[in-house]
Amino acid sequence: MPILNRASEMHEEIVGWRRHLHQNPELGFDLADTSAFVADRLRAFGCDEVVTGIGRTGVVGVIRGRHGAGRTVGLRADMDALPLDERSGVSHASHTAGRMHACGHDGHTAMLLGAAKYLAETRNFAGSVVVVFQPAEEIGGGAREMLAEGLMERFGIERIYGMHNMPGIPLGHFAICDGPIMGAPAKFSITISGRGGHAARPHTTIDPILAGAQLVTALQTIVSRRTDPLASVVVTITKVDAGTAYNIIPEKIELWGTVRALRMADAEAGKEQVTAVCAGVAAATGAKIEIDYEGPYPSTVNPPQEARFSAQVAQEVVGADRVDANVKPSMAGEDFARMLAARPGSFIFIGNGDSAELHHPAYDFADEAIPAGVSYWVRLTETALAPR
């Protein structure tokens, strides 16, 4: 039976899993219920091995093919939600205030569960497929902890693949590119300390708000004047915390921000450049400026051969006219980057249609994408592990 037909038959069941996960979001590594839900289904499917507790709350299932020994590939989904109040208005909205699946990890988990069920039923491949359910993608660190506990070595994974939904890409479509497909993010907080006083007597103060305003503007020169115009670099200030009253110049303010780049060389230069700009503003204003800089995180890079392989698989599932093999990269970061640094593989986008953006309180994963996603995982496995 064609994969898409079987995936469509399973659709209602997979949607049920997805909506259950959506209603019961958990954060970071604290995924006790989510991990148990995943492990219970993998056992029910008849996976040859189901291992829990890898990377604290990660889950791994192993399915062996019926055509004898062969290679081993890994398929990865992320499980964690975001600390956000949901405003989607859907009937299956989050039951927990301050938590929601605003990035579609509920859909990623459900699609990989659907593929695991199909693969455990058919086993039409040689070797083994390892389904990897990762915690703590949003806060970063889940992939690192799973790798540190021997994920690749323990299960003999030779190639690893990931998938993420993307609003704006039509439903039933896929998109991929070779080289960097996701950015290398870093984050920072800056504390500016001055000398407070009365707003009517600014000459007796060192105004940290004025220093902060100059700093926000000056940081933009990292992109406009310190970076090759052909490079992809973003510097964004995302939070300013300052002041208590209209007539008080405060003692200090705090800024939060992020630097993102596609090339690791540009990303790694970010810390030095932010530090230099802060030093210049501090010297000019007399304020004390302290920086806490974290990162950069690795960019997600598709080797050309693996990108072509995944594009071909996607074309076999949905047709060549529904696969963009040269999509523009996203500057968002992705924890799967660490897994691709450990093993060859690829990361592909699946269309979420005309939905709210990722990390938005009105976002919801599009259940209509499930058959294509399940079919992609199955076709990839059967192609990569075809009997020789």
Protein backbone atom coordinates (compact mmCIF):
# COMPACT_ATOMS: atom_id res chain seq x y z
CA MET A 1 0.00 0.00 0.00
CA PRO A 2 1.44 3.44 -0.92
CA ILE A 3 2.89 5.25 2.04
CA LEU A 4 0.69 8.33 1.68
CA ASN A 5 -2.44 6.18 1.68
CA ARG A 6 -1.41 4.43 4.89
CA ALA A 7 -0.39 7.74 6.47
CA SER A 8 -3.80 9.14 5.56
CA GLU A 9 -5.49 6.13 7.15
CA MET A 10 -3.54 6.81 10.34
CA HIS A 11 -4.26 10.52 10.21
CA GLU A 12 -7.06 10.67 12.75
CA GLU A 13 -5.06 8.68 15.28
CA ILE A 14 -1.95 10.82 14.81
CA VAL A 15 -4.01 14.00 15.09
CA GLY A 16 -5.32 12.66 18.40
CA TRP A 17 -1.76 12.22 19.66
CA ARG A 18 -0.79 15.67 18.45
CA ARG A 19 -3.71 17.41 20.12
CA HIS A 20 -3.16 15.54 23.38
CA LEU A 21 0.43 16.78 23.39
CA HIS A 22 -0.72 20.28 22.50
CA GLN A 23 -3.11 20.36 25.42
CA ASN A 24 -0.45 19.13 27.85
CA PRO A 25 2.74 21.10 27.09
CA GLU A 26 5.89 20.70 29.14
CA LEU A 27 9.07 22.76 29.12
CA GLY A 28 12.78 22.12 28.70
CA PHE A 29 13.94 18.92 30.33
CA ASP A 30 10.81 18.65 32.51
CA LEU A 31 8.99 16.30 30.13
CA ALA A 32 7.90 13.44 32.39
CA ASP A 33 4.40 13.07 30.92
CA THR A 34 5.43 13.76 27.33
CA SER A 35 8.29 11.25 27.48
CA ALA A 36 6.04 8.61 29.05
CA PHE A 37 3.41 9.19 26.35
CA VAL A 38 6.02 8.70 23.61
CA ALA A 39 7.63 5.64 25.23
CA ASP A 40 4.26 3.94 25.80
CA ARG A 41 3.37 4.24 22.14
CA LEU A 42 6.75 3.03 20.92
CA ARG A 43 6.35 -0.07 23.09
CA ALA A 44 2.81 -0.59 21.78
CA PHE A 45 4.11 -0.39 18.19
CA GLY A 46 6.50 -3.27 18.91
CA CYS A 47 9.80 -1.41 18.66
CA ASP A 48 12.73 -3.74 19.28
CA GLU A 49 14.17 -1.39 21.91
CA VAL A 50 12.67 1.53 23.80
CA VAL A 51 15.10 3.46 25.98
CA THR A 52 14.13 6.36 28.23
CA GLY A 53 16.13 8.84 30.26
CA ILE A 54 18.75 9.67 27.61
CA GLY A 55 19.55 13.35 28.00
CA ARG A 56 17.44 13.31 31.18
CA THR A 57 14.03 12.92 29.53
CA GLY A 58 14.87 11.91 25.96
CA VAL A 59 13.33 8.77 24.43
CA VAL A 60 14.85 6.49 21.80
CA GLY A 61 13.19 3.66 19.89
CA VAL A 62 14.95 1.10 17.67
CA ILE A 63 13.20 -0.69 14.81
CA ARG A 64 15.09 -3.41 12.90
CA GLY A 65 14.27 -4.14 9.28
CA ARG A 66 13.20 -7.53 7.91
CA HIS A 67 15.87 -7.63 5.22
CA GLY A 68 18.80 -8.42 7.45
CA ALA A 69 21.80 -6.46 8.60
CA GLY A 70 22.61 -3.04 7.24
CA ARG A 71 23.23 0.55 8.15
CA THR A 72 21.56 2.55 10.92
CA VAL A 73 19.91 5.93 10.45
CA GLY A 74 18.39 8.22 13.04
CA LEU A 75 15.24 10.33 12.76
CA ARG A 76 14.84 13.09 15.33
CA ALA A 77 11.87 15.05 16.70
CA ASP A 78 11.79 17.62 19.50
CA MET A 79 9.22 17.43 22.32
CA ASP A 80 9.34 20.60 24.45
CA ALA A 81 6.99 23.60 24.44
CA LEU A 82 7.46 27.32 25.11
CA PRO A 83 6.70 29.53 28.15
CA LEU A 84 3.87 31.43 26.48
CA ASP A 85 0.13 32.00 27.08
CA GLU A 86 -1.84 30.54 24.18
CA ARG A 87 -4.26 32.70 22.21
CA SER A 88 -4.95 30.39 19.27
CA GLY A 89 -8.64 29.91 20.05
CA VAL A 90 -8.52 26.24 19.04
CA SER A 91 -10.57 23.61 20.89
CA HIS A 92 -7.41 21.70 21.82
CA ALA A 93 -5.62 24.70 23.34
CA SER A 94 -3.14 24.30 26.18
CA HIS A 95 -4.58 23.32 29.55
CA THR A 96 -1.66 24.94 31.37
CA ALA A 97 -1.35 28.70 31.74
CA GLY A 98 1.99 30.06 30.63
CA ARG A 99 2.86 27.08 28.45
CA MET A 100 2.04 26.25 24.85
CA HIS A 101 3.35 24.40 21.83
CA ALA A 102 4.04 27.56 19.85
CA CYS A 103 6.75 26.00 17.66
CA GLY A 104 5.05 22.80 16.50
CA HIS A 105 7.06 20.29 18.49
CA ASP A 106 3.78 18.52 19.24
CA GLY A 107 3.39 18.01 15.49
CA HIS A 108 7.00 16.91 15.04
CA THR A 109 6.61 14.32 17.80
CA ALA A 110 3.29 13.06 16.46
CA MET A 111 4.61 12.71 12.89
CA LEU A 112 7.64 10.72 14.03
CA LEU A 113 5.40 8.50 16.16
CA GLY A 114 3.26 7.89 13.09
CA ALA A 115 6.33 6.96 11.06
CA ALA A 116 7.54 4.66 13.84
CA LYS A 117 4.21 2.85 13.85
CA TYR A 118 4.31 2.37 10.08
CA LEU A 119 7.95 1.25 10.07
CA ALA A 120 7.34 -1.20 12.92
CA GLU A 121 4.44 -2.69 10.95
CA THR A 122 6.21 -3.04 7.61
CA ARG A 123 9.96 -3.23 8.36
CA ASN A 124 10.64 -2.97 4.63
CA PHE A 125 14.32 -2.12 4.97
CA ALA A 126 17.68 -3.56 5.94
CA GLY A 127 19.50 -2.50 9.07
CA SER A 128 17.89 -0.32 11.74
CA VAL A 129 16.11 2.98 12.13
CA VAL A 130 16.46 4.84 15.43
CA VAL A 131 13.70 7.30 16.31
CA VAL A 132 15.04 10.01 18.62
CA PHE A 133 12.71 12.19 20.71
CA GLN A 134 14.73 15.07 22.13
CA PRO A 135 14.02 17.30 25.15
CA ALA A 136 15.04 20.93 25.66
CA GLU A 137 15.37 22.13 22.09
CA GLU A 138 13.93 25.56 22.86
CA ILE A 139 16.35 26.33 25.68
CA GLY A 140 19.18 24.45 23.96
CA GLY A 141 21.14 21.69 25.61
CA GLY A 142 18.94 18.68 24.93
CA ALA A 143 20.96 17.57 21.93
CA ARG A 144 24.23 18.18 23.76
CA GLU A 145 23.15 16.02 26.72
CA MET A 146 21.90 13.19 24.52
CA LEU A 147 25.18 13.23 22.61
CA ALA A 148 27.20 13.34 25.81
CA GLU A 149 25.41 10.19 26.96
CA GLY A 150 26.52 8.36 23.81
CA LEU A 151 23.42 8.62 21.63
CA MET A 152 25.25 8.06 18.35
CA GLU A 153 27.67 5.42 19.59
CA ARG A 154 25.22 3.45 21.73
CA PHE A 155 22.74 2.98 18.89
CA GLY A 156 25.25 2.93 16.04
CA ILE A 157 23.67 5.89 14.25
CA GLU A 158 25.55 6.66 11.03
CA ARG A 159 23.30 9.38 9.60
CA ILE A 160 20.75 11.61 11.34
CA TYR A 161 17.81 13.61 9.96
CA GLY A 162 15.54 16.33 11.32
CA MET A 163 12.39 18.15 10.23
CA HIS A 164 10.68 21.39 11.27
CA ASN A 165 7.41 22.93 10.21
CA MET A 166 7.53 26.39 8.68
CA PRO A 167 4.65 28.88 8.40
CA GLY A 168 4.50 30.53 5.00
CA ILE A 169 5.52 27.39 3.12
CA PRO A 170 2.37 25.86 1.58
CA LEU A 171 0.83 22.76 3.11
CA GLY A 172 2.09 19.60 1.45
CA HIS A 173 5.34 21.27 0.41
CA PHE A 174 8.92 20.81 1.59
CA ALA A 175 11.91 23.16 1.48
CA ILE A 176 15.62 22.60 1.97
CA CYS A 177 19.01 23.98 0.93
CA ASP A 178 22.60 22.87 1.17
CA GLY A 179 24.97 24.67 3.47
CA PRO A 180 23.60 26.69 6.41
CA ILE A 181 19.82 26.41 6.69
CA MET A 182 19.48 27.79 10.24
CA GLY A 183 21.50 30.47 11.98
CA ALA A 184 24.10 30.49 14.74
CA PRO A 185 22.51 32.44 17.60
CA ALA A 186 24.07 34.08 20.64
CA LYS A 187 22.34 35.96 23.42
CA PHE A 188 23.53 38.66 25.77
CA SER A 189 22.48 40.86 28.64
CA ILE A 190 24.07 44.23 29.29
CA THR A 191 23.92 46.12 32.59
CA ILE A 192 24.61 49.85 32.41
CA SER A 193 25.36 51.49 35.74
CA GLY A 194 25.44 55.26 36.16
CA ARG A 195 24.70 57.77 38.90
CA GLY A 196 21.04 58.44 39.56
CA GLY A 197 19.40 61.69 40.51
CA HIS A 198 16.62 64.18 39.84
CA ALA A 199 15.38 64.44 36.29
CA ALA A 200 15.59 68.24 36.59
CA ARG A 201 19.34 68.06 37.34
CA PRO A 202 20.79 65.66 34.73
CA HIS A 203 24.18 67.42 34.89
CA THR A 204 24.72 65.95 38.36
CA THR A 205 24.10 62.41 37.15
CA ILE A 206 25.54 59.82 34.79
CA ASP A 207 22.37 58.91 32.93
CA PRO A 208 22.29 55.15 32.13
CA ILE A 209 19.20 55.59 29.96
CA LEU A 210 21.02 58.02 27.68
CA ALA A 211 23.98 55.62 27.57
CA GLY A 212 21.61 52.77 26.78
CA ALA A 213 19.97 54.72 23.94
CA GLN A 214 23.39 55.44 22.44
CA LEU A 215 24.36 51.80 22.87
CA VAL A 216 21.26 50.46 21.11
CA THR A 217 22.04 52.68 18.13
CA ALA A 218 25.76 51.96 18.18
CA LEU A 219 25.23 48.19 18.24
CA GLN A 220 23.56 48.44 14.83
CA THR A 221 26.92 49.46 13.34
CA ILE A 222 28.04 45.86 13.85
CA VAL A 223 25.84 44.96 10.88
CA SER A 224 26.00 48.20 8.91
CA ARG A 225 29.70 49.04 9.28
CA ARG A 226 31.60 46.11 10.78
CA THR A 227 30.28 43.19 8.71
CA ASP A 228 30.67 42.27 5.04
CA PRO A 229 27.45 43.48 3.31
CA LEU A 230 27.16 40.06 1.64
CA ALA A 231 27.15 38.23 4.98
CA SER A 232 23.98 37.42 6.91
CA VAL A 233 24.17 38.94 10.41
CA VAL A 234 21.44 40.24 12.73
CA VAL A 235 21.82 42.23 15.97
CA THR A 236 18.57 42.79 17.84
CA ILE A 237 17.83 44.36 21.21
CA THR A 238 14.78 42.61 22.63
CA LYS A 239 14.35 44.07 26.12
CA VAL A 240 15.04 47.35 27.90
CA ASP A 241 14.40 47.44 31.64
CA ALA A 242 14.85 50.94 33.08
CA GLY A 243 13.43 53.49 35.49
CA THR A 244 10.71 53.75 38.13
CA ALA A 245 9.24 57.25 37.79
CA TYR A 246 8.99 60.21 35.40
CA ASN A 247 11.19 62.44 37.55
CA ILE A 248 13.99 60.04 38.54
CA ILE A 249 17.11 59.26 36.56
CA PRO A 250 17.81 55.65 37.61
CA GLU A 251 21.05 54.14 38.83
CA LYS A 252 21.15 51.38 36.21
CA ILE A 253 19.32 49.81 33.28
CA GLU A 254 19.44 46.38 31.64
CA LEU A 255 19.35 45.44 27.97
CA TRP A 256 18.82 42.00 26.46
CA GLY A 257 19.64 41.08 22.90
CA THR A 258 20.78 38.53 20.36
CA VAL A 259 23.38 38.23 17.61
CA ARG A 260 22.74 35.77 14.79
CA ALA A 261 24.71 34.79 11.71
CA LEU A 262 24.81 32.03 9.12
CA ARG A 263 28.60 31.69 9.03
CA MET A 264 30.26 30.64 12.26
CA ALA A 265 33.13 33.10 11.69
CA ASP A 266 30.65 35.99 11.67
CA ALA A 267 28.82 34.59 14.69
CA GLU A 268 32.03 34.17 16.67
CA ALA A 269 33.07 37.74 15.87
CA GLY A 270 29.86 38.98 17.47
CA LYS A 271 31.08 38.83 21.06
CA GLU A 272 34.24 40.81 20.32
CA GLN A 273 32.28 43.43 18.39
CA VAL A 274 29.55 43.84 21.03
CA THR A 275 32.24 44.18 23.69
CA ALA A 276 34.09 46.81 21.68
CA VAL A 277 30.96 48.88 21.12
CA CYS A 278 30.07 48.72 24.82
CA ALA A 279 33.57 49.88 25.76
CA GLY A 280 33.29 52.84 23.41
CA VAL A 281 29.91 53.97 24.77
CA ALA A 282 31.12 53.52 28.34
CA ALA A 283 34.15 55.74 27.64
CA ALA A 284 31.98 58.37 25.97
CA THR A 285 29.31 58.55 28.67
CA GLY A 286 31.15 57.69 31.87
CA ALA A 287 28.78 54.81 32.59
CA LYS A 288 29.94 51.38 33.67
CA ILE A 289 28.84 48.72 31.18
CA GLU A 290 28.98 44.99 31.97
CA ILE A 291 28.16 42.22 29.47
CA ASP A 292 27.05 38.64 29.96
CA TYR A 293 27.44 37.00 26.52
CA GLU A 294 26.38 33.40 25.82
CA GLY A 295 27.15 31.65 22.54
CA PRO A 296 27.25 31.46 19.66
CA TYR A 297 25.37 28.22 19.19
CA PRO A 298 26.36 26.26 16.05
CA SER A 299 24.59 26.98 12.78
CA THR A 300 22.61 24.12 11.23
CA VAL A 301 24.47 23.04 8.10
CA ASN A 302 23.27 20.59 5.45
CA PRO A 303 26.06 18.82 3.54
CA PRO A 304 25.30 19.16 -0.20
CA GLN A 305 24.99 15.41 -0.81
CA GLU A 306 22.57 14.97 2.10
CA ALA A 307 20.51 17.99 1.05
CA ARG A 308 20.14 16.53 -2.46
CA PHE A 309 19.20 13.14 -1.01
CA SER A 310 16.50 14.62 1.23
CA ALA A 311 15.14 16.79 -1.58
CA GLN A 312 14.87 13.73 -3.81
CA VAL A 313 13.03 11.80 -1.10
CA ALA A 314 10.61 14.69 -0.59
CA GLN A 315 10.01 14.89 -4.35
CA GLU A 316 9.13 11.21 -4.41
CA VAL A 317 6.56 11.82 -1.68
CA VAL A 318 4.83 15.02 -2.85
CA GLY A 319 6.18 15.72 -6.36
CA ALA A 320 9.03 17.86 -7.64
CA ASP A 321 6.80 20.94 -7.99
CA ARG A 322 6.20 20.90 -4.24
CA VAL A 323 9.84 20.85 -3.14
CA ASP A 324 12.00 23.96 -2.98
CA ALA A 325 15.58 22.70 -2.98
CA ASN A 326 17.09 26.19 -2.65
CA VAL A 327 15.07 27.78 0.13
CA LYS A 328 16.46 30.86 1.83
CA PRO A 329 17.96 30.00 5.24
CA SER A 330 16.32 31.08 8.48
CA MET A 331 18.27 33.10 11.05
CA ALA A 332 16.54 31.23 13.87
CA GLY A 333 18.67 28.75 15.79
CA GLU A 334 18.15 25.00 16.04
CA ASP A 335 19.49 22.55 18.62
CA PHE A 336 19.65 19.82 15.95
CA ALA A 337 22.81 21.59 14.74
CA ARG A 338 24.82 19.66 17.33
CA MET A 339 23.56 16.34 16.00
CA LEU A 340 24.50 17.32 12.44
CA ALA A 341 27.93 18.26 13.72
CA ALA A 342 28.26 14.73 15.12
CA ARG A 343 26.93 12.82 12.10
CA PRO A 344 26.08 13.57 8.46
CA GLY A 345 22.43 14.14 7.65
CA SER A 346 20.04 16.96 6.88
CA PHE A 347 17.38 19.29 8.21
CA ILE A 348 14.27 20.00 6.12
CA PHE A 349 11.25 22.31 6.43
CA ILE A 350 7.68 21.08 5.98
CA GLY A 351 5.01 23.63 5.13
CA ASN A 352 2.59 24.79 7.82
CA GLY A 353 0.61 26.92 5.39
CA ASP A 354 -0.83 30.33 6.14
CA SER A 355 -0.58 30.08 9.92
CA ALA A 356 0.60 32.40 12.66
CA GLU A 357 4.37 32.61 12.97
CA LEU A 358 6.44 30.32 15.16
CA HIS A 359 6.68 31.44 18.81
CA HIS A 360 3.46 33.45 18.42
CA PRO A 361 0.59 32.95 20.92
CA ALA A 362 -1.88 32.38 18.05
CA TYR A 363 0.22 29.66 16.37
CA ASP A 364 -1.02 26.08 15.91
CA PHE A 365 0.56 23.19 14.03
CA ALA A 366 -1.38 22.30 10.86
CA ASP A 367 -2.70 18.76 11.15
CA GLU A 368 -3.08 18.66 7.37
CA ALA A 369 0.73 18.45 7.14
CA ILE A 370 0.87 15.13 8.99
CA PRO A 371 0.47 12.67 6.07
CA ALA A 372 3.28 14.30 4.08
CA GLY A 373 5.55 14.40 7.14
CA VAL A 374 4.97 10.76 8.05
CA SER A 375 5.45 9.72 4.44
CA TYR A 376 8.71 11.64 4.19
CA TRP A 377 10.14 9.85 7.22
CA VAL A 378 9.11 6.46 5.91
CA ARG A 379 10.36 7.05 2.36
CA LEU A 380 13.66 8.40 3.69
CA THR A 381 14.15 5.33 5.87
CA GLU A 382 13.28 2.84 3.13
CA THR A 383 15.53 4.65 0.65
CA ALA A 384 18.51 5.11 2.96
CA LEU A 385 18.23 1.51 4.17
CA ALA A 386 17.24 -0.21 0.93
CA PRO A 387 18.46 -3.83 0.79
CA ARG A 388 21.60 -4.22 -1.28
